[in-house]
Amino acid sequence: MKLEMTGQMRLEQRMKLAPHMIQSMEILQLPILALQERIEQELNNNPVLEMEEPSNTDEAESVQEQPQEEDTSEKDLVIDTDNNKVGDFERLESLEDDFKEYIDQAGPWMPRRSSDEPDRKLEAIKNTAAPPKSLHEHLAEQWGLVDAAEPVKKAGSMIIDYIDGRGYLTVRLEQLQNKDREDFTLDDLNEALELVQKLEPAGVGARDLRECLLIQMAQRSEDMSFESRLVTEHMDELLENRLPDIAKKMSCSIERINQAVEQMSKLDTSPGLQVGRNRNHPITPDVIVEPLDDSGDYSVRSADSGLPPLRLNNYYTSMAKDTRVSEKTRKFLQDNIRSARWIMDAIEQRKNTLLRVTTAVVKYQHDFFEKGSLYLRPLPMSKVADEVGVHLATVSRAVSGKYMQCSWGVLPLRKFFSGGTEDVDGERHSWEAIRVKLQQIVDAEDKTKPLSDDQIRQKLAEAGIKNLARRTVAKYRKLLNIPTARFRKKY
């Protein structure tokens, strides 16, 4: 078998993304807060890029009005050819020597700050809130103050390790008791569990919902004996909303049970979430839509006032063109200038694309801004992409994670892109508008005779939406966290 190498030509098309195109796509899909962090990171990494400070004209005028004193060390060096001008060359050499001596004595440059000016970094550290304690840390800190025997203390520490984020003990005590260990016994675990269940928040350490409610009722000051009996003997029937059966077995009225249910609604079914609860992230709108005077039109503007204005450093741009600077330094500066221009162009392109997409959304969803969510229309992204003249993926990146501030609140931009269905008159309704209408129907129903899914479908048909299936109604009812008719029934 003979092996040989041959050359071959092939004509093909390949799509390659340039680095600045990849950076533009990354910048486009960043929300406003993430974009601020990205700009700060670029300012720290790129010496050529800097923030454009607002010019102070008053200060500049005052400087110009001050008389200029004659200073031979500060005047321009002019090397003429008419005479030898030996003095100019000597002054240049002396300036260079003086500058080197000054740098050696001064050491590294530090920003000048007056004695009464506060340290911004120190102030920021002092004003930053401490991270919240987790539930495990909160319980372990309390458990360290409990007075108990050493085996019970060890058993309690292990129990706390197996309490989940909702505050429930996720394993049986028998599983925690290792026969090969002699640190604690099963009795120590039972004693430790009773002590753990007395810690804050109330209800922590329970093994199921029934025990969680009973622990909280036992620690309340008011008399909840009837509620305790209701939970102890009829918990399953209570969850099934079979109040008439419970009233018959307990020989009481349904009104008394309703009062007990109202009282128990003040209890927390997930007490562990009270500690170390994740904080909601702040939402900052990227675009603002405001109505004009009385014309019925809307203005769209970018909410980028928090973004610092960027510019290139004039000194470094001049140095990058100076042939007297070493080639390595000029190459470094040129690369950073190119990177700085890319990110400045990407930020401007992001702003323009977002404004154009939002303007198209306002145009197609004009009824929503006038009348509310019931008038939200189906709007595919492809339609906005054709209107703006960009690719569908560009629209998807432009609205990803972005929010709009309008008269109806701060809303995600993706809210305005959804499918829908047509009514008998040929008018299209978005799924979001159908969900709003479904919620209104459920809110207005007679709670003593709640509507079934089929009856809700009929109500929607009366409103003009006649081609919905019952399973579609059930789907959106679940998405809205609306229980079935049996659980919505009020006795």
Protein backbone atom coordinates (compact mmCIF):
# COMPACT_ATOMS: atom_id res chain seq x y z
CA MET A 1 0.00 0.00 0.00
CA LYS A 2 1.45 3.31 -1.12
CA LEU A 3 0.94 6.45 0.96
CA GLU A 4 1.25 9.86 -0.63
CA MET A 5 0.25 13.49 0.06
CA THR A 6 -1.63 15.49 -2.53
CA GLY A 7 -2.95 19.05 -2.64
CA GLN A 8 -6.62 19.77 -3.23
CA MET A 9 -8.58 23.01 -3.72
CA ARG A 10 -12.12 23.37 -2.48
CA LEU A 11 -14.52 26.30 -2.79
CA GLU A 12 -16.79 26.78 0.24
CA GLN A 13 -18.44 29.46 2.35
CA ARG A 14 -17.86 29.71 6.08
CA MET A 15 -19.29 32.18 8.55
CA LYS A 16 -16.72 33.47 11.03
CA LEU A 17 -17.49 35.98 13.74
CA ALA A 18 -14.94 38.70 14.29
CA PRO A 19 -14.01 39.51 17.91
CA HIS A 20 -15.78 42.87 17.80
CA MET A 21 -18.97 41.17 16.53
CA ILE A 22 -18.87 38.72 19.44
CA GLN A 23 -18.33 41.61 21.85
CA SER A 24 -21.27 43.52 20.33
CA MET A 25 -23.58 40.55 20.85
CA GLU A 26 -22.41 40.17 24.45
CA ILE A 27 -22.95 43.86 25.19
CA LEU A 28 -26.38 43.82 23.51
CA GLN A 29 -27.81 41.17 25.81
CA LEU A 30 -26.49 42.71 29.04
CA PRO A 31 -29.05 44.43 31.31
CA ILE A 32 -28.27 47.93 32.50
CA LEU A 33 -26.76 46.84 35.86
CA ALA A 34 -24.59 44.17 34.26
CA LEU A 35 -23.48 46.70 31.64
CA GLN A 36 -22.35 49.08 34.38
CA GLU A 37 -20.21 46.32 35.90
CA ARG A 38 -18.77 45.50 32.48
CA ILE A 39 -17.83 49.14 31.89
CA GLU A 40 -16.14 49.36 35.31
CA GLN A 41 -14.20 46.19 34.52
CA GLU A 42 -13.11 47.61 31.17
CA LEU A 43 -12.05 50.90 32.82
CA ASN A 44 -9.87 48.98 35.27
CA ASN A 45 -8.27 46.77 32.60
CA ASN A 46 -7.82 49.24 29.75
CA PRO A 47 -5.57 52.26 30.50
CA VAL A 48 -6.58 54.01 27.27
CA LEU A 49 -10.28 54.11 28.20
CA GLU A 50 -11.40 56.74 30.70
CA MET A 51 -14.55 58.47 31.89
CA GLU A 52 -15.31 61.83 30.38
CA GLU A 53 -15.54 64.32 33.21
CA PRO A 54 -17.93 67.26 32.87
CA SER A 55 -16.10 70.44 31.96
CA ASN A 56 -16.15 73.24 34.49
CA THR A 57 -16.23 76.43 32.43
CA ASP A 58 -16.15 78.74 35.47
CA GLU A 59 -12.95 77.17 36.71
CA ALA A 60 -11.38 77.37 33.27
CA GLU A 61 -12.25 81.06 32.95
CA SER A 62 -10.81 81.86 36.37
CA VAL A 63 -7.58 80.15 35.42
CA GLN A 64 -7.37 82.16 32.23
CA GLU A 65 -7.98 85.45 34.08
CA GLN A 66 -5.05 84.87 36.45
CA PRO A 67 -1.87 86.69 35.35
CA GLN A 68 0.84 84.39 34.07
CA GLU A 69 4.20 84.82 35.72
CA GLU A 70 7.36 84.53 33.75
CA ASP A 71 8.91 81.13 34.40
CA THR A 72 11.84 80.08 32.31
CA SER A 73 11.50 76.46 33.39
CA GLU A 74 7.94 76.23 32.06
CA LYS A 75 8.22 78.07 28.74
CA ASP A 76 8.26 76.13 25.45
CA LEU A 77 11.50 74.78 24.13
CA VAL A 78 12.10 76.16 20.68
CA ILE A 79 15.19 74.92 18.89
CA ASP A 80 15.96 77.43 16.16
CA THR A 81 18.48 77.05 13.43
CA ASP A 82 19.51 80.67 13.16
CA ASN A 83 21.89 80.36 16.10
CA ASN A 84 23.34 77.51 18.05
CA LYS A 85 20.93 78.03 20.99
CA VAL A 86 23.17 76.10 23.32
CA GLY A 87 21.18 77.43 26.28
CA ASP A 88 18.02 75.66 25.13
CA PHE A 89 19.79 72.30 25.00
CA GLU A 90 21.33 72.83 28.42
CA ARG A 91 17.94 73.76 29.87
CA LEU A 92 16.43 70.58 28.34
CA GLU A 93 19.08 68.40 29.96
CA SER A 94 18.61 70.11 33.33
CA LEU A 95 14.85 69.60 33.15
CA GLU A 96 15.33 65.90 32.52
CA ASP A 97 17.71 65.56 35.47
CA ASP A 98 15.37 67.53 37.76
CA PHE A 99 12.41 65.39 36.74
CA LYS A 100 14.25 62.13 37.47
CA GLU A 101 15.36 63.45 40.85
CA TYR A 102 11.78 64.53 41.65
CA ILE A 103 10.37 61.10 40.75
CA ASP A 104 12.97 59.32 42.90
CA GLN A 105 12.16 61.49 45.91
CA ALA A 106 8.41 61.51 45.51
CA GLY A 107 7.93 57.75 45.17
CA PRO A 108 4.74 56.24 43.73
CA TRP A 109 2.02 58.75 42.91
CA MET A 110 -0.95 58.85 45.24
CA PRO A 111 -4.11 60.92 44.80
CA ARG A 112 -4.14 64.02 46.97
CA ARG A 113 -6.94 64.13 49.51
CA SER A 114 -7.62 66.78 52.10
CA SER A 115 -7.76 65.82 55.76
CA ASP A 116 -11.48 66.54 56.07
CA GLU A 117 -12.43 64.60 52.92
CA PRO A 118 -13.85 61.14 53.80
CA ASP A 119 -12.36 57.97 52.38
CA ARG A 120 -14.91 56.74 49.85
CA LYS A 121 -13.79 53.11 49.98
CA LEU A 122 -13.92 53.08 53.77
CA GLU A 123 -17.37 54.69 53.73
CA ALA A 124 -18.58 52.10 51.23
CA ILE A 125 -17.33 49.27 53.44
CA LYS A 126 -19.04 50.74 56.49
CA ASN A 127 -22.34 51.21 54.65
CA THR A 128 -22.37 47.73 53.13
CA ALA A 129 -24.80 45.44 54.89
CA ALA A 130 -23.38 42.26 56.38
CA PRO A 131 -24.41 39.05 54.60
CA PRO A 132 -27.48 37.49 56.23
CA LYS A 133 -27.03 34.42 58.39
CA SER A 134 -28.16 31.11 57.04
CA LEU A 135 -30.74 29.04 58.89
CA HIS A 136 -28.06 26.57 59.94
CA GLU A 137 -25.88 29.34 61.41
CA HIS A 138 -28.90 30.88 63.14
CA LEU A 139 -29.87 27.59 64.78
CA ALA A 140 -26.29 26.62 65.65
CA GLU A 141 -25.76 29.96 67.39
CA GLN A 142 -28.88 29.40 69.52
CA TRP A 143 -27.99 25.80 70.18
CA GLY A 144 -24.65 26.84 71.58
CA LEU A 145 -26.50 28.66 74.40
CA VAL A 146 -28.72 25.68 75.32
CA ASP A 147 -27.91 24.07 78.65
CA ALA A 148 -27.95 20.30 78.16
CA ALA A 149 -25.83 17.22 78.70
CA GLU A 150 -22.94 16.62 76.32
CA PRO A 151 -24.58 13.67 74.48
CA VAL A 152 -27.73 15.73 73.97
CA LYS A 153 -25.66 18.66 72.68
CA LYS A 154 -23.98 16.42 70.09
CA ALA A 155 -27.30 14.92 69.08
CA GLY A 156 -28.83 18.38 68.66
CA SER A 157 -25.93 19.52 66.47
CA MET A 158 -26.49 16.56 64.17
CA ILE A 159 -30.23 17.24 64.02
CA ILE A 160 -29.57 20.84 63.00
CA ASP A 161 -27.33 19.59 60.19
CA TYR A 162 -30.31 17.74 58.67
CA ILE A 163 -32.82 20.61 58.81
CA ASP A 164 -33.59 21.87 55.30
CA GLY A 165 -34.10 25.46 54.17
CA ARG A 166 -37.83 25.36 54.95
CA GLY A 167 -37.09 24.38 58.57
CA TYR A 168 -38.10 20.71 58.41
CA LEU A 169 -36.13 17.72 59.65
CA THR A 170 -35.61 15.61 56.55
CA VAL A 171 -34.54 12.29 58.13
CA ARG A 172 -35.88 9.99 60.80
CA LEU A 173 -34.17 9.98 64.18
CA GLU A 174 -33.40 6.28 63.83
CA GLN A 175 -31.23 7.09 60.82
CA LEU A 176 -29.12 9.50 62.88
CA GLN A 177 -28.40 6.99 65.58
CA ASN A 178 -25.33 5.01 64.57
CA LYS A 179 -24.94 1.81 66.58
CA ASP A 180 -21.17 1.87 66.13
CA ARG A 181 -20.94 5.24 67.86
CA GLU A 182 -21.40 5.84 71.55
CA ASP A 183 -21.70 9.66 71.39
CA PHE A 184 -25.46 9.65 71.98
CA THR A 185 -28.43 7.31 72.09
CA LEU A 186 -31.90 7.42 70.55
CA ASP A 187 -33.24 8.87 73.80
CA ASP A 188 -30.67 11.67 73.53
CA LEU A 189 -31.90 12.37 69.99
CA ASN A 190 -35.53 12.60 71.16
CA GLU A 191 -34.57 14.93 73.98
CA ALA A 192 -32.46 17.05 71.64
CA LEU A 193 -35.30 17.27 69.10
CA GLU A 194 -37.65 18.67 71.74
CA LEU A 195 -35.09 21.34 72.56
CA VAL A 196 -34.40 22.15 68.91
CA GLN A 197 -38.13 22.61 68.29
CA LYS A 198 -38.13 25.36 70.93
CA LEU A 199 -35.62 27.45 68.99
CA GLU A 200 -36.50 30.40 66.80
CA PRO A 201 -38.18 30.66 64.36
CA ALA A 202 -41.20 28.88 65.81
CA GLY A 203 -42.00 25.63 64.06
CA VAL A 204 -38.44 24.76 63.07
CA GLY A 205 -37.39 21.13 63.45
CA ALA A 206 -40.81 19.69 62.57
CA ARG A 207 -41.00 16.46 60.60
CA ASP A 208 -44.23 17.25 58.73
CA LEU A 209 -46.79 20.01 58.32
CA ARG A 210 -48.99 18.76 61.17
CA GLU A 211 -46.13 18.87 63.67
CA CYS A 212 -45.00 22.29 62.36
CA LEU A 213 -48.44 23.81 63.02
CA LEU A 214 -48.74 22.17 66.44
CA ILE A 215 -45.34 23.52 67.53
CA GLN A 216 -46.31 27.06 66.57
CA MET A 217 -49.73 26.83 68.24
CA ALA A 218 -48.14 25.57 71.44
CA GLN A 219 -45.83 28.60 71.56
CA ARG A 220 -48.56 31.22 70.98
CA SER A 221 -50.04 33.11 73.90
CA GLU A 222 -53.72 32.80 72.91
CA ASP A 223 -55.77 29.66 73.45
CA MET A 224 -55.59 27.46 70.35
CA SER A 225 -56.84 24.19 71.81
CA PHE A 226 -59.63 23.88 69.24
CA GLU A 227 -57.19 24.50 66.41
CA SER A 228 -54.78 21.94 67.87
CA ARG A 229 -57.52 19.33 67.99
CA LEU A 230 -58.55 20.20 64.44
CA VAL A 231 -55.02 19.69 63.15
CA THR A 232 -54.34 16.59 65.23
CA GLU A 233 -57.51 14.66 64.36
CA HIS A 234 -58.64 16.01 60.96
CA MET A 235 -55.58 17.26 59.12
CA ASP A 236 -56.16 15.18 55.97
CA GLU A 237 -59.80 16.19 55.73
CA LEU A 238 -58.84 19.80 56.32
CA LEU A 239 -56.42 19.69 53.39
CA GLU A 240 -59.20 18.24 51.23
CA ASN A 241 -61.53 21.12 52.23
CA ARG A 242 -64.16 18.72 53.56
CA LEU A 243 -65.40 21.11 56.22
CA PRO A 244 -68.96 19.69 56.53
CA ASP A 245 -67.54 16.25 57.40
CA ILE A 246 -65.23 17.79 59.99
CA ALA A 247 -68.08 19.81 61.52
CA LYS A 248 -70.19 16.69 61.82
CA LYS A 249 -67.42 14.68 63.51
CA MET A 250 -66.44 17.51 65.89
CA SER A 251 -70.10 18.45 66.63
CA CYS A 252 -69.53 22.11 65.80
CA SER A 253 -70.63 24.59 63.19
CA ILE A 254 -68.84 25.29 59.93
CA GLU A 255 -68.49 28.90 61.04
CA ARG A 256 -66.41 27.75 64.01
CA ILE A 257 -64.14 25.78 61.69
CA ASN A 258 -63.81 28.76 59.36
CA GLN A 259 -62.76 30.87 62.33
CA ALA A 260 -60.14 28.26 63.24
CA VAL A 261 -58.85 28.15 59.66
CA GLU A 262 -58.60 31.94 59.65
CA GLN A 263 -56.64 31.81 62.88
CA MET A 264 -54.29 29.11 61.55
CA SER A 265 -53.65 31.12 58.37
CA LYS A 266 -51.43 33.35 60.51
CA LEU A 267 -49.05 30.41 61.07
CA ASP A 268 -46.05 29.83 58.84
CA THR A 269 -45.88 26.56 56.93
CA SER A 270 -42.20 27.17 56.03
CA PRO A 271 -40.66 28.80 59.10
CA GLY A 272 -37.09 28.29 57.91
CA LEU A 273 -37.57 30.80 55.11
CA GLN A 274 -37.79 33.58 57.70
CA VAL A 275 -34.02 33.31 58.19
CA GLY A 276 -31.49 33.74 55.44
CA ARG A 277 -34.16 34.46 52.86
CA ASN A 278 -32.70 35.37 49.51
CA ARG A 279 -33.14 39.05 48.80
CA ASN A 280 -34.77 40.16 45.60
CA HIS A 281 -32.35 41.58 43.09
CA PRO A 282 -32.98 45.19 42.16
CA ILE A 283 -34.59 45.81 38.79
CA THR A 284 -33.52 48.84 36.81
CA PRO A 285 -35.42 49.70 33.62
CA ASP A 286 -33.41 49.91 30.41
CA VAL A 287 -35.97 51.99 28.51
CA ILE A 288 -38.66 54.43 29.59
CA VAL A 289 -41.94 54.88 27.70
CA GLU A 290 -43.84 58.06 28.50
CA PRO A 291 -47.05 59.45 26.98
CA LEU A 292 -46.85 62.72 25.11
CA ASP A 293 -49.19 65.63 25.84
CA ASP A 294 -52.58 64.86 24.30
CA SER A 295 -51.64 63.35 20.96
CA GLY A 296 -51.98 59.73 22.10
CA ASP A 297 -48.39 58.98 21.07
CA TYR A 298 -45.56 57.81 23.30
CA SER A 299 -41.93 58.80 23.60
CA VAL A 300 -39.24 56.16 24.03
CA ARG A 301 -35.95 57.05 25.65
CA SER A 302 -33.04 55.11 27.05
CA ALA A 303 -32.58 54.92 30.82
CA ASP A 304 -28.78 55.01 30.61
CA SER A 305 -28.17 58.01 32.85
CA GLY A 306 -26.17 55.76 35.19
CA LEU A 307 -23.70 54.82 32.46
CA PRO A 308 -20.52 56.91 32.54
CA PRO A 309 -19.58 58.72 29.30
CA LEU A 310 -16.42 57.17 27.87
CA ARG A 311 -13.59 58.59 25.81
CA LEU A 312 -10.04 57.76 24.75
CA ASN A 313 -7.10 59.20 26.63
CA ASN A 314 -5.51 61.84 24.42
CA TYR A 315 -2.04 61.28 25.83
CA TYR A 316 -2.02 57.56 25.07
CA THR A 317 -3.56 58.00 21.61
CA SER A 318 -0.79 60.47 20.76
CA MET A 319 1.83 58.13 22.18
CA ALA A 320 0.50 55.27 20.02
CA LYS A 321 1.27 57.37 16.91
CA ASP A 322 4.69 58.57 18.08
CA THR A 323 7.44 56.73 16.22
CA ARG A 324 9.92 57.59 18.96
CA VAL A 325 8.08 55.23 21.31
CA SER A 326 9.16 51.62 21.26
CA GLU A 327 7.28 49.29 18.93
CA LYS A 328 6.20 47.04 21.79
CA THR A 329 4.63 49.97 23.67
CA ARG A 330 2.88 51.27 20.56
CA LYS A 331 1.53 47.79 19.82
CA PHE A 332 0.17 47.55 23.36
CA LEU A 333 -1.48 50.97 23.12
CA GLN A 334 -2.92 50.29 19.68
CA ASP A 335 -4.51 47.04 20.87
CA ASN A 336 -6.08 48.81 23.84
CA ILE A 337 -7.30 51.69 21.65
CA ARG A 338 -8.94 49.18 19.32
CA SER A 339 -10.55 47.38 22.26
CA ALA A 340 -11.80 50.65 23.74
CA ARG A 341 -13.33 51.73 20.44
CA TRP A 342 -15.03 48.35 20.09
CA ILE A 343 -16.74 48.56 23.45
CA MET A 344 -17.75 52.21 22.91
CA ASP A 345 -19.26 51.30 19.54
CA ALA A 346 -20.96 48.24 21.05
CA ILE A 347 -22.57 50.33 23.82
CA GLU A 348 -23.86 52.85 21.29
CA GLN A 349 -25.14 50.08 19.04
CA ARG A 350 -26.89 48.45 22.01
CA LYS A 351 -28.63 51.72 22.81
CA ASN A 352 -29.81 52.30 19.25
CA THR A 353 -31.02 48.71 18.78
CA LEU A 354 -32.89 48.71 22.07
CA LEU A 355 -34.61 51.99 21.26
CA ARG A 356 -35.64 50.80 17.80
CA VAL A 357 -37.01 47.51 19.14
CA THR A 358 -38.92 49.27 21.92
CA THR A 359 -40.34 51.80 19.48
CA ALA A 360 -41.65 48.95 17.32
CA VAL A 361 -43.16 47.26 20.40
CA VAL A 362 -44.95 50.48 21.41
CA LYS A 363 -46.27 50.81 17.87
CA TYR A 364 -47.80 47.30 17.79
CA GLN A 365 -48.94 47.27 21.45
CA HIS A 366 -50.45 50.76 21.49
CA ASP A 367 -53.75 49.48 22.96
CA PHE A 368 -51.91 47.94 25.90
CA PHE A 369 -50.32 51.26 26.88
CA GLU A 370 -53.71 52.95 26.57
CA LYS A 371 -56.01 50.39 28.27
CA GLY A 372 -54.01 47.69 30.09
CA SER A 373 -53.17 43.98 30.00
CA LEU A 374 -56.52 42.86 28.56
CA TYR A 375 -55.56 44.57 25.30
CA LEU A 376 -52.16 42.96 24.91
CA ARG A 377 -51.92 41.56 21.39
CA PRO A 378 -49.96 38.58 20.08
CA LEU A 379 -46.61 39.79 18.76
CA PRO A 380 -43.97 37.44 17.32
CA MET A 381 -40.35 38.57 17.42
CA SER A 382 -40.05 38.02 13.70
CA LYS A 383 -42.52 40.84 13.09
CA VAL A 384 -40.44 43.29 15.14
CA ALA A 385 -37.26 42.02 13.47
CA ASP A 386 -38.74 42.82 10.04
CA GLU A 387 -39.86 46.24 11.28
CA VAL A 388 -36.45 47.14 12.68
CA GLY A 389 -34.49 45.47 9.89
CA VAL A 390 -32.37 43.14 12.03
CA HIS A 391 -32.10 39.40 12.55
CA LEU A 392 -34.52 37.56 14.79
CA ALA A 393 -31.67 36.58 17.14
CA THR A 394 -30.76 40.26 17.54
CA VAL A 395 -34.26 41.06 18.79
CA SER A 396 -34.10 38.12 21.18
CA ARG A 397 -30.79 39.34 22.61
CA ALA A 398 -32.02 42.92 22.78
CA VAL A 399 -35.01 42.07 25.00
CA SER A 400 -33.30 39.38 27.09
CA GLY A 401 -33.25 40.48 30.73
CA LYS A 402 -34.35 44.01 29.85
CA TYR A 403 -37.17 45.93 31.53
CA MET A 404 -39.41 48.77 30.42
CA GLN A 405 -40.81 51.48 32.66
CA CYS A 406 -44.25 52.72 31.62
CA SER A 407 -47.49 53.90 33.19
CA TRP A 408 -48.35 50.27 34.08
CA GLY A 409 -45.16 49.72 36.06
CA VAL A 410 -41.76 48.18 35.36
CA LEU A 411 -42.37 45.25 33.02
CA PRO A 412 -40.05 42.78 31.27
CA LEU A 413 -39.72 43.42 27.56
CA ARG A 414 -40.37 39.74 26.83
CA LYS A 415 -43.89 40.22 28.21
CA PHE A 416 -44.87 41.93 24.97
CA PHE A 417 -43.83 38.96 22.79
CA SER A 418 -46.29 36.06 22.97
CA GLY A 419 -48.60 33.97 20.88
CA GLY A 420 -52.37 33.99 21.05
CA THR A 421 -55.64 33.01 19.41
CA GLU A 422 -58.43 34.60 17.40
CA ASP A 423 -61.97 35.23 18.62
CA VAL A 424 -65.20 34.97 16.59
CA ASP A 425 -64.73 38.49 15.25
CA GLY A 426 -61.23 37.72 13.96
CA GLU A 427 -59.57 39.75 16.70
CA ARG A 428 -56.42 38.22 18.12
CA HIS A 429 -55.88 37.86 21.88
CA SER A 430 -52.51 37.12 23.46
CA TRP A 431 -52.15 34.35 26.01
CA GLU A 432 -51.23 36.98 28.59
CA ALA A 433 -54.55 38.78 28.01
CA ILE A 434 -56.42 35.47 28.27
CA ARG A 435 -54.76 34.75 31.62
CA VAL A 436 -55.76 38.19 32.89
CA LYS A 437 -59.35 37.58 31.80
CA LEU A 438 -59.35 34.15 33.47
CA GLN A 439 -58.15 35.69 36.73
CA GLN A 440 -60.93 38.26 36.56
CA ILE A 441 -63.54 35.53 36.05
CA VAL A 442 -62.28 33.57 39.07
CA ASP A 443 -62.14 36.69 41.24
CA ALA A 444 -65.74 37.55 40.38
CA GLU A 445 -67.19 34.06 40.92
CA ASP A 446 -69.48 33.06 43.78
CA LYS A 447 -67.13 31.32 46.21
CA THR A 448 -69.99 29.22 47.58
CA LYS A 449 -70.43 27.83 44.06
CA PRO A 450 -67.02 28.12 42.37
CA LEU A 451 -66.74 27.61 38.64
CA SER A 452 -65.30 24.47 37.15
CA ASP A 453 -62.80 24.58 34.32
CA ASP A 454 -65.55 23.91 31.79
CA GLN A 455 -67.65 26.72 33.23
CA ILE A 456 -64.66 29.07 33.05
CA ARG A 457 -64.24 28.07 29.40
CA GLN A 458 -67.87 28.99 28.80
CA LYS A 459 -67.35 32.37 30.49
CA LEU A 460 -64.37 33.01 28.22
CA ALA A 461 -66.49 32.05 25.22
CA GLU A 462 -69.10 34.60 26.29
CA ALA A 463 -66.30 37.18 26.30
CA GLY A 464 -65.54 36.32 22.67
CA ILE A 465 -62.78 33.71 23.12
CA LYS A 466 -64.62 30.59 21.88
CA ASN A 467 -61.94 28.26 20.60
CA LEU A 468 -60.23 27.36 23.88
CA ALA A 469 -60.16 23.75 25.10
CA ARG A 470 -60.89 22.87 28.71
CA ARG A 471 -57.37 21.51 29.21
CA THR A 472 -55.99 24.88 28.05
CA VAL A 473 -58.09 26.59 30.74
CA ALA A 474 -56.78 24.13 33.33
CA LYS A 475 -53.21 24.77 32.18
CA TYR A 476 -53.43 28.53 32.62
CA ARG A 477 -55.33 28.15 35.88
CA LYS A 478 -52.39 26.17 37.26
CA LEU A 479 -49.91 28.75 35.94
CA LEU A 480 -51.81 31.41 37.89
CA ASN A 481 -51.71 29.23 41.05
CA ILE A 482 -55.50 29.05 41.15
CA PRO A 483 -56.71 25.87 42.90
CA THR A 484 -59.51 23.70 41.59
CA ALA A 485 -63.16 24.49 42.28
CA ARG A 486 -63.33 22.11 45.25
CA PHE A 487 -60.53 23.92 47.09
CA ARG A 488 -61.91 27.36 46.23
CA LYS A 489 -65.28 26.55 47.74
CA LYS A 490 -66.28 28.60 50.79
CA TYR A 491 -68.81 27.13 53.23
